[in-house]
Amino acid sequence: MVSKRDYYEVLGVDKGSSPEDIKRAYRKLAMKYHPDKNPGDASAEAKFKEVSEAYEVLSSPDKKQRYDQFGHAGMNGQGGFEGFGGGAGFEDIFGDIFDMFGGGGFGRRNRGPQKGADVKYETTITFEEAAFGTETTIQFHKDETCDTCDGTGAKPGTSVKTCTDCNGSGEVRFVQRTPLGQIVNVRPCTKCHGSGKQVEVPCSTCRGKGVERKLKKVKVKIPAGVDNGSVISLRGEGEPGLKGGPHGDLYVVIRVMDHNLFEREGYNVYCEIPITFAQAALGDELEVPTLEGKVKYKIPEGTQSGTVFRLRGRGIVHPKGHGKGDQFVKVVVEVPKKLSERQKDIIRQFAAESGEDVHEQRKSFFEKVKEALK
């Protein structure tokens, strides 16, 4: 007698595993070793039978209780694989497996109207358009109902008949015999390509498809505050559905161009403006650019290079109406590269009157470096 492996070991689960964990483990192994996925592989077929037998026992509370108490001896012939009717959840699991291989012996396929495919489109807008909103027209090609045949696929004046191979279901069933029993598989009808209809004389425009490729123009309203990567959805602007199903949706992905002056972080705006040494030392009233035009801002005496000022409410509006961000302005003191001799003399006099060597700051820096390296 060949001894059987422990059912928990077969499924790779612990004795205290939940029913969900047991089901999840079985589903993974059943899909891995299914005969349809491993045609002609006797080893895979044996493993598929083994994991199915283990699941049949461990998925049944009564059988599991007896097995936990007495092991294989407590099964009394009840542990063998019984085909696709035994064990809790077999129909649900095998329905998933057959769907994976294009079959479906439990009537799980959707034969009714099906929603059309969604369409993705990318459009590029300027920084200002993202900040204030805009309206644009996009163009793309998509399937639309054929105008010539009104979507029937048949030449005007001819009829559309029910497919004789599938009797209008769009599917053909066939039984496959395996060592594990009979498997009922379902495949799309090759004669009508799953439509359930036969066109005797195809439409010359769409060649019997019922749809034709057209250039579609759609107006898109882009709200203020969108950012790079934002997505705007337009219901019903996608591909047409099947068997009378609704159209899919159109998803417009926003790409925002860089700005030569402003940068964005969330709903705040950042920019840098240059100022002279005199403006930084004496203070001045600056003209600061914003998204809404120039504004005046007074900087105090002794403003240091790199100082950041905040302009409240000068940022980007939140698309959902949660206020506006701010603008942060960083001032950078520009050091003149070309000085006349007179200008150099004035700077030297300034340094002398300040009681500092012109190179005092640089000397102080190197002294700090030496101190740190001791």
Protein backbone atom coordinates (compact mmCIF):
# COMPACT_ATOMS: atom_id res chain seq x y z
CA MET A 1 0.00 0.00 0.00
CA VAL A 2 1.35 3.39 -0.96
CA SER A 3 1.11 5.82 1.96
CA LYS A 4 -0.58 9.13 1.31
CA ARG A 5 1.02 12.46 2.09
CA ASP A 6 -0.46 14.59 4.82
CA TYR A 7 -3.20 16.77 3.33
CA TYR A 8 -1.88 19.89 5.04
CA GLU A 9 1.57 19.19 3.60
CA VAL A 10 0.05 18.71 0.13
CA LEU A 11 -1.55 22.17 0.22
CA GLY A 12 1.36 23.77 2.04
CA VAL A 13 -0.75 25.09 4.95
CA ASP A 14 -0.72 24.69 8.73
CA LYS A 15 -3.29 22.73 10.70
CA GLY A 16 -4.64 25.95 12.19
CA SER A 17 -5.08 27.68 8.83
CA SER A 18 -8.37 29.40 8.15
CA PRO A 19 -10.79 28.17 5.43
CA GLU A 20 -9.79 31.21 3.36
CA ASP A 21 -6.09 30.29 3.59
CA ILE A 22 -6.84 26.69 2.60
CA LYS A 23 -8.94 27.80 -0.33
CA ARG A 24 -6.29 30.29 -1.45
CA ALA A 25 -3.55 27.63 -1.31
CA TYR A 26 -5.64 25.15 -3.26
CA ARG A 27 -6.59 27.69 -5.92
CA LYS A 28 -2.91 28.47 -6.55
CA LEU A 29 -1.88 24.82 -6.83
CA ALA A 30 -4.91 23.81 -8.92
CA MET A 31 -4.15 26.49 -11.48
CA LYS A 32 -0.49 25.43 -11.52
CA TYR A 33 -1.13 21.71 -12.13
CA HIS A 34 -4.38 21.84 -14.12
CA PRO A 35 -4.31 19.35 -17.07
CA ASP A 36 -5.29 22.06 -19.55
CA LYS A 37 -2.18 23.99 -18.58
CA ASN A 38 0.04 20.90 -18.61
CA PRO A 39 -1.18 18.75 -21.53
CA GLY A 40 0.41 15.29 -21.57
CA ASP A 41 2.24 15.81 -18.27
CA ALA A 42 1.35 12.77 -16.13
CA SER A 43 3.22 14.14 -13.13
CA ALA A 44 1.24 17.40 -13.14
CA GLU A 45 -1.98 15.45 -13.57
CA ALA A 46 -1.16 13.31 -10.52
CA LYS A 47 -0.36 16.39 -8.43
CA PHE A 48 -3.59 18.04 -9.55
CA LYS A 49 -5.52 14.98 -8.37
CA GLU A 50 -3.61 14.97 -5.08
CA VAL A 51 -4.24 18.64 -4.23
CA SER A 52 -7.90 18.27 -5.24
CA GLU A 53 -8.31 15.30 -2.91
CA ALA A 54 -6.66 17.23 -0.08
CA TYR A 55 -8.88 20.23 -0.60
CA GLU A 56 -12.02 18.09 -0.78
CA VAL A 57 -11.31 16.88 2.75
CA LEU A 58 -9.96 20.08 4.34
CA SER A 59 -12.70 22.27 2.85
CA SER A 60 -15.44 20.16 4.50
CA PRO A 61 -15.80 20.88 8.25
CA ASP A 62 -16.99 17.31 9.00
CA LYS A 63 -14.29 15.57 6.96
CA LYS A 64 -11.63 17.92 8.29
CA GLN A 65 -12.64 17.14 11.86
CA ARG A 66 -12.40 13.39 11.27
CA TYR A 67 -9.08 13.77 9.46
CA ASP A 68 -7.61 15.92 12.24
CA GLN A 69 -8.61 13.26 14.78
CA PHE A 70 -7.86 10.00 12.96
CA GLY A 71 -5.78 10.96 9.90
CA HIS A 72 -6.25 9.04 6.64
CA ALA A 73 -7.62 6.04 8.57
CA GLY A 74 -10.62 8.09 9.66
CA MET A 75 -11.78 8.79 6.14
CA ASN A 76 -13.24 5.32 5.49
CA GLY A 77 -13.05 5.81 1.77
CA GLN A 78 -14.45 9.35 1.93
CA GLY A 79 -11.23 11.09 1.10
CA GLY A 80 -10.79 10.15 -2.56
CA PHE A 81 -11.19 12.75 -5.27
CA GLU A 82 -14.82 12.65 -6.42
CA GLY A 83 -14.71 14.83 -9.47
CA PHE A 84 -15.94 18.40 -9.60
CA GLY A 85 -18.98 17.95 -7.40
CA GLY A 86 -17.25 17.27 -4.06
CA GLY A 87 -15.98 19.67 -1.46
CA ALA A 88 -17.08 23.16 -0.52
CA GLY A 89 -16.36 25.87 -3.07
CA PHE A 90 -15.29 23.55 -5.92
CA GLU A 91 -17.63 25.15 -8.42
CA ASP A 92 -16.40 28.63 -7.59
CA ILE A 93 -12.73 27.67 -7.80
CA PHE A 94 -13.02 25.60 -10.97
CA GLY A 95 -15.05 28.37 -12.56
CA ASP A 96 -12.06 30.65 -12.03
CA ILE A 97 -9.67 28.03 -13.37
CA PHE A 98 -11.72 27.39 -16.51
CA ASP A 99 -12.08 31.11 -17.13
CA MET A 100 -8.31 31.32 -16.98
CA PHE A 101 -8.00 28.70 -19.75
CA GLY A 102 -10.80 30.17 -21.85
CA GLY A 103 -13.45 27.68 -20.73
CA GLY A 104 -16.15 27.88 -18.13
CA GLY A 105 -18.23 24.78 -17.45
CA PHE A 106 -20.39 26.37 -14.75
CA GLY A 107 -22.16 29.08 -16.72
CA ARG A 108 -20.01 31.89 -15.35
CA ARG A 109 -19.42 33.61 -18.69
CA ASN A 110 -21.20 36.88 -19.29
CA ARG A 111 -23.38 36.46 -22.35
CA GLY A 112 -25.28 39.72 -21.92
CA PRO A 113 -24.40 43.27 -22.92
CA GLN A 114 -20.80 44.22 -22.16
CA LYS A 115 -19.33 47.67 -21.60
CA GLY A 116 -16.93 48.92 -24.27
CA ALA A 117 -13.21 49.42 -23.74
CA ASP A 118 -11.92 52.57 -22.09
CA VAL A 119 -9.72 54.99 -24.02
CA LYS A 120 -6.66 56.79 -22.64
CA TYR A 121 -5.49 60.09 -24.15
CA GLU A 122 -2.66 62.41 -23.08
CA THR A 123 -2.81 66.15 -23.64
CA THR A 124 -0.22 68.81 -22.83
CA ILE A 125 -1.11 72.23 -21.40
CA THR A 126 0.89 75.21 -20.19
CA PHE A 127 1.74 76.02 -16.59
CA GLU A 128 -0.74 78.91 -16.63
CA GLU A 129 -3.53 76.77 -18.11
CA ALA A 130 -3.03 74.27 -15.30
CA ALA A 131 -3.22 77.07 -12.74
CA PHE A 132 -6.30 78.84 -14.10
CA GLY A 133 -8.07 76.10 -16.06
CA THR A 134 -8.85 75.95 -19.75
CA GLU A 135 -10.97 74.25 -22.37
CA THR A 136 -9.37 72.29 -25.16
CA THR A 137 -10.47 70.06 -28.02
CA ILE A 138 -8.77 66.71 -28.40
CA GLN A 139 -8.84 64.43 -31.44
CA PHE A 140 -8.37 60.67 -31.51
CA HIS A 141 -9.51 57.66 -33.50
CA LYS A 142 -12.03 55.22 -32.04
CA ASP A 143 -14.66 52.74 -33.18
CA GLU A 144 -18.11 54.15 -33.79
CA THR A 145 -21.35 52.56 -34.98
CA CYS A 146 -21.23 52.18 -38.74
CA ASP A 147 -23.47 54.80 -40.39
CA THR A 148 -24.07 52.64 -43.45
CA CYS A 149 -25.52 49.58 -41.70
CA ASP A 150 -26.48 51.17 -38.33
CA GLY A 151 -24.25 48.68 -36.57
CA THR A 152 -25.84 45.48 -37.94
CA GLY A 153 -22.80 44.60 -40.06
CA ALA A 154 -25.09 43.65 -42.96
CA LYS A 155 -25.40 45.36 -46.30
CA PRO A 156 -28.49 47.61 -46.35
CA GLY A 157 -31.45 45.63 -47.66
CA THR A 158 -30.12 42.28 -46.44
CA SER A 159 -30.89 40.48 -43.21
CA VAL A 160 -28.96 39.20 -40.21
CA LYS A 161 -29.71 35.64 -39.12
CA THR A 162 -29.08 33.67 -35.97
CA CYS A 163 -25.87 31.65 -36.11
CA THR A 164 -26.66 28.02 -36.84
CA ASP A 165 -23.60 26.67 -35.01
CA CYS A 166 -24.25 28.23 -31.60
CA ASN A 167 -27.99 29.00 -31.96
CA GLY A 168 -27.34 32.65 -31.13
CA SER A 169 -25.48 32.08 -27.86
CA GLY A 170 -22.10 33.04 -29.28
CA GLU A 171 -20.54 30.04 -27.54
CA VAL A 172 -19.94 26.39 -28.33
CA ARG A 173 -19.76 23.79 -25.55
CA PHE A 174 -17.83 20.55 -25.78
CA VAL A 175 -17.04 17.77 -23.33
CA GLN A 176 -13.44 16.76 -22.69
CA ARG A 177 -12.81 13.40 -21.05
CA THR A 178 -9.86 13.26 -18.67
CA PRO A 179 -8.66 10.75 -16.07
CA LEU A 180 -10.30 13.05 -13.52
CA GLY A 181 -13.70 12.91 -15.15
CA GLN A 182 -15.58 14.91 -17.75
CA ILE A 183 -14.82 18.59 -18.16
CA VAL A 184 -17.32 20.80 -19.97
CA ASN A 185 -15.49 23.56 -21.82
CA VAL A 186 -16.91 26.63 -23.51
CA ARG A 187 -15.29 28.42 -26.42
CA PRO A 188 -16.41 31.41 -28.51
CA CYS A 189 -18.16 30.31 -31.66
CA THR A 190 -15.70 30.42 -34.56
CA LYS A 191 -18.42 30.90 -37.16
CA CYS A 192 -19.94 34.09 -35.73
CA HIS A 193 -16.89 35.09 -33.59
CA GLY A 194 -19.03 35.17 -30.47
CA SER A 195 -21.71 37.53 -31.79
CA GLY A 196 -24.43 34.89 -32.17
CA LYS A 197 -25.37 36.40 -35.55
CA GLN A 198 -24.60 35.55 -39.14
CA VAL A 199 -24.28 38.22 -41.80
CA GLU A 200 -25.06 36.89 -45.25
CA VAL A 201 -23.92 39.96 -47.20
CA PRO A 202 -21.42 42.07 -45.21
CA CYS A 203 -21.64 45.84 -45.20
CA SER A 204 -19.12 47.30 -47.65
CA THR A 205 -18.16 50.09 -45.25
CA CYS A 206 -17.41 48.14 -42.06
CA ARG A 207 -16.96 44.71 -43.68
CA GLY A 208 -19.51 43.15 -41.38
CA LYS A 209 -18.06 44.42 -38.09
CA GLY A 210 -20.85 46.89 -37.39
CA VAL A 211 -18.32 49.55 -36.39
CA GLU A 212 -15.91 51.75 -38.29
CA ARG A 213 -12.85 53.70 -37.22
CA LYS A 214 -13.55 57.42 -37.06
CA LEU A 215 -11.76 60.59 -36.01
CA LYS A 216 -13.46 61.77 -32.85
CA LYS A 217 -13.32 65.35 -31.54
CA VAL A 218 -14.17 65.95 -27.90
CA LYS A 219 -14.17 69.18 -25.92
CA VAL A 220 -12.51 68.80 -22.55
CA LYS A 221 -12.96 71.31 -19.75
CA ILE A 222 -9.83 71.32 -17.61
CA PRO A 223 -10.45 72.77 -14.14
CA ALA A 224 -8.09 75.21 -12.44
CA GLY A 225 -5.49 73.60 -10.21
CA VAL A 226 -4.80 70.38 -12.12
CA ASP A 227 -1.25 69.08 -11.92
CA ASN A 228 1.03 66.94 -14.03
CA GLY A 229 -0.49 63.44 -14.12
CA SER A 230 -4.03 64.53 -13.22
CA VAL A 231 -6.73 62.46 -14.94
CA ILE A 232 -10.08 63.75 -16.19
CA SER A 233 -12.72 61.12 -16.94
CA LEU A 234 -15.46 61.56 -19.53
CA ARG A 235 -18.20 58.96 -19.23
CA GLY A 236 -19.38 57.22 -22.38
CA GLU A 237 -16.70 58.63 -24.70
CA GLY A 238 -14.79 55.35 -25.05
CA GLU A 239 -15.23 52.40 -27.39
CA PRO A 240 -18.75 51.07 -28.11
CA GLY A 241 -20.04 48.17 -26.03
CA LEU A 242 -20.83 44.65 -27.16
CA LYS A 243 -24.34 43.26 -27.61
CA GLY A 244 -25.92 46.62 -26.87
CA GLY A 245 -23.71 47.40 -23.88
CA PRO A 246 -22.75 50.96 -22.93
CA HIS A 247 -19.72 52.78 -24.30
CA GLY A 248 -16.50 52.76 -22.33
CA ASP A 249 -15.04 55.89 -20.79
CA LEU A 250 -12.40 58.36 -21.94
CA TYR A 251 -9.56 59.14 -19.54
CA VAL A 252 -7.60 62.30 -20.35
CA VAL A 253 -4.16 62.39 -18.70
CA ILE A 254 -2.79 65.90 -18.16
CA ARG A 255 0.84 66.75 -18.87
CA VAL A 256 1.94 70.22 -17.70
CA MET A 257 4.80 72.06 -19.41
CA ASP A 258 7.63 73.49 -17.33
CA HIS A 259 7.66 77.26 -16.70
CA ASN A 260 10.77 79.36 -17.25
CA LEU A 261 10.24 81.25 -13.99
CA PHE A 262 7.89 79.38 -11.66
CA GLU A 263 8.04 75.96 -10.07
CA ARG A 264 5.20 74.18 -8.33
CA GLU A 265 5.00 72.01 -5.26
CA GLY A 266 1.46 70.99 -4.40
CA TYR A 267 -0.54 74.20 -4.61
CA ASN A 268 2.36 76.51 -3.73
CA VAL A 269 4.46 78.36 -6.30
CA TYR A 270 8.18 79.09 -6.00
CA CYS A 271 10.43 81.53 -7.84
CA GLU A 272 13.75 83.33 -7.51
CA ILE A 273 14.43 87.00 -8.27
CA PRO A 274 17.80 88.73 -8.38
CA ILE A 275 18.54 91.91 -6.39
CA THR A 276 21.60 94.15 -6.24
CA PHE A 277 23.96 94.54 -3.32
CA ALA A 278 22.61 98.05 -2.78
CA GLN A 279 18.99 96.82 -2.66
CA ALA A 280 19.93 94.11 -0.17
CA ALA A 281 21.92 96.50 2.05
CA LEU A 282 19.58 99.50 1.94
CA GLY A 283 16.22 97.80 1.38
CA ASP A 284 13.93 98.50 -1.53
CA GLU A 285 10.47 98.03 -2.99
CA LEU A 286 10.58 95.25 -5.55
CA GLU A 287 8.26 94.34 -8.40
CA VAL A 288 7.63 90.63 -7.93
CA PRO A 289 6.15 88.54 -10.77
CA THR A 290 3.20 86.31 -9.88
CA LEU A 291 0.83 84.15 -11.91
CA GLU A 292 -1.68 87.01 -11.79
CA GLY A 293 0.75 89.79 -12.69
CA LYS A 294 3.35 91.90 -10.89
CA VAL A 295 2.94 92.98 -7.26
CA LYS A 296 5.04 95.31 -5.10
CA TYR A 297 6.89 93.92 -2.11
CA LYS A 298 9.15 95.87 0.23
CA ILE A 299 12.31 94.14 1.45
CA PRO A 300 14.00 95.46 4.61
CA GLU A 301 17.55 96.74 5.02
CA GLY A 302 20.18 94.06 5.41
CA THR A 303 18.31 91.39 3.47
CA GLN A 304 20.60 88.39 3.02
CA SER A 305 20.99 86.46 -0.19
CA GLY A 306 18.78 83.36 -0.08
CA THR A 307 16.09 84.95 2.09
CA VAL A 308 12.62 83.61 1.24
CA PHE A 309 9.52 85.81 1.44
CA ARG A 310 5.95 84.55 1.42
CA LEU A 311 3.09 86.02 -0.59
CA ARG A 312 -0.12 84.58 0.82
CA GLY A 313 -2.85 83.50 -1.59
CA ARG A 314 -0.67 83.96 -4.68
CA GLY A 315 -0.37 80.25 -5.41
CA ILE A 316 -2.62 77.83 -7.25
CA VAL A 317 -6.29 77.25 -6.52
CA HIS A 318 -7.36 73.84 -5.23
CA PRO A 319 -9.57 72.07 -7.83
CA LYS A 320 -12.14 71.18 -5.18
CA GLY A 321 -12.40 74.72 -3.85
CA HIS A 322 -10.24 74.32 -0.74
CA GLY A 323 -8.60 77.75 -1.07
CA LYS A 324 -5.34 78.72 -2.73
CA GLY A 325 -1.70 78.05 -2.08
CA ASP A 326 0.99 80.67 -1.50
CA GLN A 327 3.93 81.99 -3.49
CA PHE A 328 7.41 81.82 -2.03
CA VAL A 329 10.00 84.27 -3.38
CA LYS A 330 13.70 83.69 -2.87
CA VAL A 331 15.95 86.73 -3.34
CA VAL A 332 19.47 86.17 -4.64
CA VAL A 333 22.05 88.96 -4.37
CA GLU A 334 23.89 89.36 -7.64
CA VAL A 335 27.58 90.09 -7.39
CA PRO A 336 28.76 92.27 -10.28
CA LYS A 337 31.42 90.61 -12.40
CA LYS A 338 32.90 93.74 -13.98
CA LEU A 339 33.78 96.75 -11.83
CA SER A 340 35.51 99.96 -12.77
CA GLU A 341 38.50 101.10 -10.75
CA ARG A 342 36.39 103.78 -9.12
CA GLN A 343 33.80 101.19 -8.05
CA LYS A 344 36.53 98.97 -6.63
CA ASP A 345 37.93 101.91 -4.65
CA ILE A 346 34.47 102.64 -3.22
CA ILE A 347 34.11 99.00 -2.08
CA ARG A 348 37.59 99.09 -0.49
CA GLN A 349 36.67 102.30 1.32
CA PHE A 350 33.45 100.67 2.48
CA ALA A 351 35.36 97.71 3.85
CA ALA A 352 37.88 99.96 5.57
CA GLU A 353 35.21 102.11 7.21
CA SER A 354 33.50 98.89 8.36
CA GLY A 355 36.68 97.98 10.18
CA GLU A 356 37.04 94.74 8.26
CA ASP A 357 39.60 93.37 5.89
CA VAL A 358 38.14 92.79 2.45
CA HIS A 359 39.10 89.11 2.81
CA GLU A 360 38.13 88.77 6.47
CA GLN A 361 35.17 86.48 5.83
CA ARG A 362 37.24 84.15 3.66
CA LYS A 363 40.00 84.02 6.31
CA SER A 364 37.41 83.27 8.98
CA PHE A 365 36.07 80.39 6.88
CA PHE A 366 39.49 78.75 6.52
CA GLU A 367 40.14 79.18 10.23
CA LYS A 368 36.94 77.25 10.95
CA VAL A 369 38.03 74.50 8.56
CA LYS A 370 41.41 74.18 10.31
CA GLU A 371 39.67 74.04 13.69
CA ALA A 372 37.36 71.27 12.51
CA LEU A 373 40.27 69.18 11.21
CA LYS A 374 42.30 69.28 14.46
